[in-house]
């Protein structure tokens, strides 16, 4: 059983700098892939700096 579950909402605003326009689906796919690859694996810290929690589940859900 997991010790704790957290839910974060990430808001991303994009502004084109150059090149051809991408579709919203393409932008969403690129952002979703980047977030999925950001899996931290573990969280460390605590009052004595010796607490370690393993990330047992990582899910990215896109809502457009």
PDB file of N, CA and C in Angstrom:
ATOM      1  N   UNK A   1       0.844  -1.178   0.000  1.00  0.00           N
ATOM      2  CA  UNK A   1       0.000   0.000   0.000  1.00  0.00           C
ATOM      3  C   UNK A   1       0.891   1.242   0.000  1.00  0.00           C
ATOM      4  N   UNK A   2       0.625   2.187  -0.907  1.00  0.00           N
ATOM      5  CA  UNK A   2       1.446   3.396  -0.967  1.00  0.00           C
ATOM      6  C   UNK A   2       1.338   4.222   0.319  1.00  0.00           C
ATOM      7  N   UNK A   3       2.432   4.845   0.676  1.00  0.00           N
ATOM      8  CA  UNK A   3       2.444   5.716   1.847  1.00  0.00           C
ATOM      9  C   UNK A   3       1.628   6.971   1.605  1.00  0.00           C
ATOM     10  N   UNK A   4       1.728   7.551   0.428  1.00  0.00           N
ATOM     11  CA  UNK A   4       1.023   8.797   0.107  1.00  0.00           C
ATOM     12  C   UNK A   4       0.783   8.873  -1.391  1.00  0.00           C
ATOM     13  N   UNK A   5      -0.303   9.512  -1.762  1.00  0.00           N
ATOM     14  CA  UNK A   5      -0.602   9.762  -3.169  1.00  0.00           C
ATOM     15  C   UNK A   5      -0.778  11.261  -3.361  1.00  0.00           C
ATOM     16  N   UNK A   6      -0.160  11.808  -4.397  1.00  0.00           N
ATOM     17  CA  UNK A   6      -0.237  13.233  -4.708  1.00  0.00           C
ATOM     18  C   UNK A   6      -0.737  13.418  -6.127  1.00  0.00           C
ATOM     19  N   UNK A   7      -1.510  14.463  -6.360  1.00  0.00           N
ATOM     20  CA  UNK A   7      -1.978  14.816  -7.691  1.00  0.00           C
ATOM     21  C   UNK A   7      -1.577  16.263  -7.944  1.00  0.00           C
ATOM     22  N   UNK A   8      -0.887  16.502  -9.051  1.00  0.00           N
ATOM     23  CA  UNK A   8      -0.477  17.837  -9.445  1.00  0.00           C
ATOM     24  C   UNK A   8      -1.145  18.185 -10.765  1.00  0.00           C
ATOM     25  N   UNK A   9      -1.522  19.434 -10.918  1.00  0.00           N
ATOM     26  CA  UNK A   9      -2.031  19.932 -12.187  1.00  0.00           C
ATOM     27  C   UNK A   9      -0.951  20.820 -12.791  1.00  0.00           C
ATOM     28  N   UNK A  10      -0.590  20.519 -14.022  1.00  0.00           N
ATOM     29  CA  UNK A  10       0.443  21.296 -14.717  1.00  0.00           C
ATOM     30  C   UNK A  10      -0.236  22.065 -15.840  1.00  0.00           C
ATOM     31  N   UNK A  11      -0.022  23.366 -15.883  1.00  0.00           N
ATOM     32  CA  UNK A  11      -0.554  24.205 -16.954  1.00  0.00           C
ATOM     33  C   UNK A  11       0.608  24.688 -17.807  1.00  0.00           C
ATOM     34  N   UNK A  12       0.511  24.462 -19.101  1.00  0.00           N
ATOM     35  CA  UNK A  12       1.585  24.851 -20.021  1.00  0.00           C
ATOM     36  C   UNK A  12       1.008  25.788 -21.074  1.00  0.00           C
ATOM     37  N   UNK A  13       1.642  26.937 -21.251  1.00  0.00           N
ATOM     38  CA  UNK A  13       1.253  27.880 -22.289  1.00  0.00           C
ATOM     39  C   UNK A  13       2.391  27.955 -23.300  1.00  0.00           C
ATOM     40  N   UNK A  14       2.078  27.756 -24.556  1.00  0.00           N
ATOM     41  CA  UNK A  14       3.096  27.762 -25.608  1.00  0.00           C
ATOM     42  C   UNK A  14       2.948  28.989 -26.490  1.00  0.00           C
ATOM     43  N   UNK A  15       4.072  29.486 -26.970  1.00  0.00           N
ATOM     44  CA  UNK A  15       4.082  30.575 -27.943  1.00  0.00           C
ATOM     45  C   UNK A  15       5.098  30.212 -29.014  1.00  0.00           C
ATOM     46  N   UNK A  16       4.672  30.205 -30.270  1.00  0.00           N
ATOM     47  CA  UNK A  16       5.553  29.814 -31.381  1.00  0.00           C
ATOM     48  C   UNK A  16       6.642  30.847 -31.580  1.00  0.00           C
ATOM     49  N   UNK A  17       7.869  30.362 -31.702  1.00  0.00           N
ATOM     50  CA  UNK A  17       9.015  31.238 -31.967  1.00  0.00           C
ATOM     51  C   UNK A  17       9.405  31.213 -33.435  1.00  0.00           C
ATOM     52  N   UNK A  18       9.320  30.037 -34.057  1.00  0.00           N
ATOM     53  CA  UNK A  18       9.735  29.943 -35.455  1.00  0.00           C
ATOM     54  C   UNK A  18       9.178  28.661 -36.066  1.00  0.00           C
ATOM     55  N   UNK A  19       9.345  28.535 -37.367  1.00  0.00           N
ATOM     56  CA  UNK A  19       8.927  27.324 -38.071  1.00  0.00           C
ATOM     57  C   UNK A  19       7.440  27.306 -38.357  1.00  0.00           C
ATOM     58  N   UNK A  20       7.025  26.196 -38.949  1.00  0.00           N
ATOM     59  CA  UNK A  20       5.620  26.021 -39.315  1.00  0.00           C
ATOM     60  C   UNK A  20       4.789  25.733 -38.071  1.00  0.00           C
ATOM     61  N   UNK A  21       3.504  25.978 -38.176  1.00  0.00           N
ATOM     62  CA  UNK A  21       2.588  25.725 -37.070  1.00  0.00           C
ATOM     63  C   UNK A  21       2.443  24.222 -36.846  1.00  0.00           C
ATOM     64  N   UNK A  22       2.356  23.825 -35.567  1.00  0.00           N
ATOM     65  CA  UNK A  22       2.065  22.445 -35.197  1.00  0.00           C
ATOM     66  C   UNK A  22       0.589  22.370 -34.815  1.00  0.00           C
ATOM     67  N   UNK A  23       0.005  21.200 -34.984  1.00  0.00           N
ATOM     68  CA  UNK A  23      -1.379  21.029 -34.540  1.00  0.00           C
ATOM     69  C   UNK A  23      -1.396  20.911 -33.016  1.00  0.00           C
ATOM     70  N   UNK A  24      -2.547  21.172 -32.413  1.00  0.00           N
ATOM     71  CA  UNK A  24      -2.692  21.034 -30.953  1.00  0.00           C
ATOM     72  C   UNK A  24      -2.379  19.599 -30.524  1.00  0.00           C
ATOM     73  N   UNK A  25      -2.796  18.620 -31.339  1.00  0.00           N
ATOM     74  CA  UNK A  25      -2.527  17.218 -31.010  1.00  0.00           C
ATOM     75  C   UNK A  25      -1.023  16.942 -30.970  1.00  0.00           C
ATOM     76  N   UNK A  26      -0.277  17.507 -31.915  1.00  0.00           N
ATOM     77  CA  UNK A  26       1.177  17.336 -31.929  1.00  0.00           C
ATOM     78  C   UNK A  26       1.823  17.968 -30.699  1.00  0.00           C
ATOM     79  N   UNK A  27       1.391  19.196 -30.368  1.00  0.00           N
ATOM     80  CA  UNK A  27       1.934  19.874 -29.186  1.00  0.00           C
ATOM     81  C   UNK A  27       1.639  19.075 -27.922  1.00  0.00           C
ATOM     82  N   UNK A  28       0.400  18.605 -27.802  1.00  0.00           N
ATOM     83  CA  UNK A  28       0.014  17.826 -26.632  1.00  0.00           C
ATOM     84  C   UNK A  28       0.850  16.556 -26.533  1.00  0.00           C
ATOM     85  N   UNK A  29       1.050  15.882 -27.658  1.00  0.00           N
ATOM     86  CA  UNK A  29       1.845  14.661 -27.670  1.00  0.00           C
ATOM     87  C   UNK A  29       3.283  14.896 -27.221  1.00  0.00           C
ATOM     88  N   UNK A  30       3.884  15.972 -27.706  1.00  0.00           N
ATOM     89  CA  UNK A  30       5.260  16.305 -27.327  1.00  0.00           C
ATOM     90  C   UNK A  30       5.355  16.616 -25.837  1.00  0.00           C
ATOM     91  N   UNK A  31       4.415  17.393 -25.317  1.00  0.00           N
ATOM     92  CA  UNK A  31       4.424  17.732 -23.894  1.00  0.00           C
ATOM     93  C   UNK A  31       4.184  16.497 -23.030  1.00  0.00           C
ATOM     94  N   UNK A  32       3.238  15.653 -23.437  1.00  0.00           N
ATOM     95  CA  UNK A  32       2.943  14.435 -22.684  1.00  0.00           C
ATOM     96  C   UNK A  32       4.160  13.517 -22.628  1.00  0.00           C
ATOM     97  N   UNK A  33       4.869  13.380 -23.743  1.00  0.00           N
ATOM     98  CA  UNK A  33       6.078  12.552 -23.786  1.00  0.00           C
ATOM     99  C   UNK A  33       7.149  13.112 -22.852  1.00  0.00           C
ATOM    100  N   UNK A  34       7.333  14.420 -22.854  1.00  0.00           N
ATOM    101  CA  UNK A  34       8.323  15.050 -21.982  1.00  0.00           C
ATOM    102  C   UNK A  34       7.987  14.824 -20.515  1.00  0.00           C
ATOM    103  N   UNK A  35       6.716  14.996 -20.150  1.00  0.00           N
ATOM    104  CA  UNK A  35       6.306  14.785 -18.763  1.00  0.00           C
ATOM    105  C   UNK A  35       6.443  13.328 -18.343  1.00  0.00           C
ATOM    106  N   UNK A  36       6.097  12.413 -19.224  1.00  0.00           N
ATOM    107  CA  UNK A  36       6.204  10.994 -18.917  1.00  0.00           C
ATOM    108  C   UNK A  36       7.659  10.599 -18.666  1.00  0.00           C
ATOM    109  N   UNK A  37       8.578  11.163 -19.422  1.00  0.00           N
ATOM    110  CA  UNK A  37       9.996  10.843 -19.278  1.00  0.00           C
ATOM    111  C   UNK A  37      10.612  11.489 -18.043  1.00  0.00           C
ATOM    112  N   UNK A  38       9.877  12.369 -17.361  1.00  0.00           N
ATOM    113  CA  UNK A  38      10.398  13.076 -16.190  1.00  0.00           C
ATOM    114  C   UNK A  38      10.242  12.269 -14.903  1.00  0.00           C
ATOM    115  N   UNK A  39       9.934  10.985 -14.983  1.00  0.00           N
ATOM    116  CA  UNK A  39       9.722  10.127 -13.818  1.00  0.00           C
ATOM    117  C   UNK A  39      10.897  10.237 -12.850  1.00  0.00           C
ATOM    118  N   UNK A  40      10.661  10.693 -11.604  1.00  0.00           N
ATOM    119  CA  UNK A  40      11.752  10.925 -10.666  1.00  0.00           C
ATOM    120  C   UNK A  40      12.352   9.666 -10.047  1.00  0.00           C
ATOM    121  N   UNK A  41      11.629   8.552 -10.011  1.00  0.00           N
ATOM    122  CA  UNK A  41      12.182   7.327  -9.438  1.00  0.00           C
ATOM    123  C   UNK A  41      12.127   7.273  -7.925  1.00  0.00           C
ATOM    124  N   UNK A  42      12.524   8.355  -7.264  1.00  0.00           N
ATOM    125  CA  UNK A  42      12.471   8.393  -5.802  1.00  0.00           C
ATOM    126  C   UNK A  42      12.422   9.835  -5.319  1.00  0.00           C
ATOM    127  N   UNK A  43      12.019   9.985  -4.053  1.00  0.00           N
ATOM    128  CA  UNK A  43      11.980  11.290  -3.391  1.00  0.00           C
ATOM    129  C   UNK A  43      12.791  11.155  -2.115  1.00  0.00           C
ATOM    130  N   UNK A  44      13.717  12.076  -1.888  1.00  0.00           N
ATOM    131  CA  UNK A  44      14.595  11.994  -0.723  1.00  0.00           C
ATOM    132  C   UNK A  44      14.562  13.294   0.070  1.00  0.00           C
ATOM    133  N   UNK A  45      14.818  13.207   1.361  1.00  0.00           N
ATOM    134  CA  UNK A  45      14.846  14.399   2.210  1.00  0.00           C
ATOM    135  C   UNK A  45      14.482  14.045   3.632  1.00  0.00           C
ATOM    136  N   UNK A  46      13.582  14.812   4.216  1.00  0.00           N
ATOM    137  CA  UNK A  46      13.159  14.578   5.592  1.00  0.00           C
ATOM    138  C   UNK A  46      13.947  15.409   6.571  1.00  0.00           C
ATOM    139  N   UNK A  47      13.547  15.396   7.848  1.00  0.00           N
ATOM    140  CA  UNK A  47      14.189  16.233   8.856  1.00  0.00           C
ATOM    141  C   UNK A  47      15.679  15.930   9.037  1.00  0.00           C
ATOM    142  N   UNK A  48      16.063  14.668   8.895  1.00  0.00           N
ATOM    143  CA  UNK A  48      17.473  14.294   9.034  1.00  0.00           C
ATOM    144  C   UNK A  48      18.152  14.078   7.688  1.00  0.00           C
ATOM    145  N   UNK A  49      17.393  14.250   6.605  1.00  0.00           N
ATOM    146  CA  UNK A  49      17.954  14.080   5.268  1.00  0.00           C
ATOM    147  C   UNK A  49      18.158  12.639   4.859  1.00  0.00           C
ATOM    148  N   UNK A  50      17.603  11.681   5.639  1.00  0.00           N
ATOM    149  CA  UNK A  50      17.841  10.280   5.318  1.00  0.00           C
ATOM    150  C   UNK A  50      16.572   9.518   4.928  1.00  0.00           C
ATOM    151  N   UNK A  51      15.474  10.216   4.687  1.00  0.00           N
ATOM    152  CA  UNK A  51      14.238   9.566   4.260  1.00  0.00           C
ATOM    153  C   UNK A  51      14.277   9.344   2.758  1.00  0.00           C
ATOM    154  N   UNK A  52      13.866   8.147   2.316  1.00  0.00           N
ATOM    155  CA  UNK A  52      13.821   7.815   0.896  1.00  0.00           C
ATOM    156  C   UNK A  52      12.482   7.144   0.612  1.00  0.00           C
ATOM    157  N   UNK A  53      11.773   7.658  -0.387  1.00  0.00           N
ATOM    158  CA  UNK A  53      10.517   7.072  -0.839  1.00  0.00           C
ATOM    159  C   UNK A  53      10.680   6.698  -2.309  1.00  0.00           C
ATOM    160  N   UNK A  54      10.351   5.469  -2.662  1.00  0.00           N
ATOM    161  CA  UNK A  54      10.404   5.021  -4.044  1.00  0.00           C
ATOM    162  C   UNK A  54       9.093   5.369  -4.737  1.00  0.00           C
ATOM    163  N   UNK A  55       9.167   5.894  -5.955  1.00  0.00           N
ATOM    164  CA  UNK A  55       7.981   6.163  -6.751  1.00  0.00           C
ATOM    165  C   UNK A  55       7.519   4.827  -7.319  1.00  0.00           C
ATOM    166  N   UNK A  56       6.331   4.372  -6.903  1.00  0.00           N
ATOM    167  CA  UNK A  56       5.849   3.070  -7.367  1.00  0.00           C
ATOM    168  C   UNK A  56       4.858   3.174  -8.506  1.00  0.00           C
ATOM    169  N   UNK A  57       4.336   4.373  -8.743  1.00  0.00           N
ATOM    170  CA  UNK A  57       3.413   4.573  -9.857  1.00  0.00           C
ATOM    171  C   UNK A  57       3.588   5.989 -10.375  1.00  0.00           C
ATOM    172  N   UNK A  58       3.596   6.136 -11.692  1.00  0.00           N
ATOM    173  CA  UNK A  58       3.760   7.439 -12.325  1.00  0.00           C
ATOM    174  C   UNK A  58       2.823   7.467 -13.517  1.00  0.00           C
ATOM    175  N   UNK A  59       1.879   8.398 -13.544  1.00  0.00           N
ATOM    176  CA  UNK A  59       0.903   8.457 -14.611  1.00  0.00           C
ATOM    177  C   UNK A  59       0.769   9.896 -15.093  1.00  0.00           C
ATOM    178  N   UNK A  60       0.760  10.061 -16.396  1.00  0.00           N
ATOM    179  CA  UNK A  60       0.505  11.364 -17.001  1.00  0.00           C
ATOM    180  C   UNK A  60      -0.788  11.242 -17.787  1.00  0.00           C
ATOM    181  N   UNK A  61      -1.769  12.059 -17.462  1.00  0.00           N
ATOM    182  CA  UNK A  61      -3.046  12.043 -18.151  1.00  0.00           C
ATOM    183  C   UNK A  61      -3.238  13.393 -18.820  1.00  0.00           C
ATOM    184  N   UNK A  62      -3.407  13.364 -20.126  1.00  0.00           N
ATOM    185  CA  UNK A  62      -3.580  14.594 -20.883  1.00  0.00           C
ATOM    186  C   UNK A  62      -5.045  14.939 -21.003  1.00  0.00           C
ATOM    187  N   UNK A  63      -5.371  16.199 -20.768  1.00  0.00           N
ATOM    188  CA  UNK A  63      -6.720  16.703 -20.989  1.00  0.00           C
ATOM    189  C   UNK A  63      -6.594  17.958 -21.834  1.00  0.00           C
ATOM    190  N   UNK A  64      -7.200  17.927 -22.977  1.00  0.00           N
ATOM    191  CA  UNK A  64      -7.071  19.075 -23.889  1.00  0.00           C
ATOM    192  C   UNK A  64      -8.310  19.919 -23.892  1.00  0.00           C
TER     193      UNK A  64
END
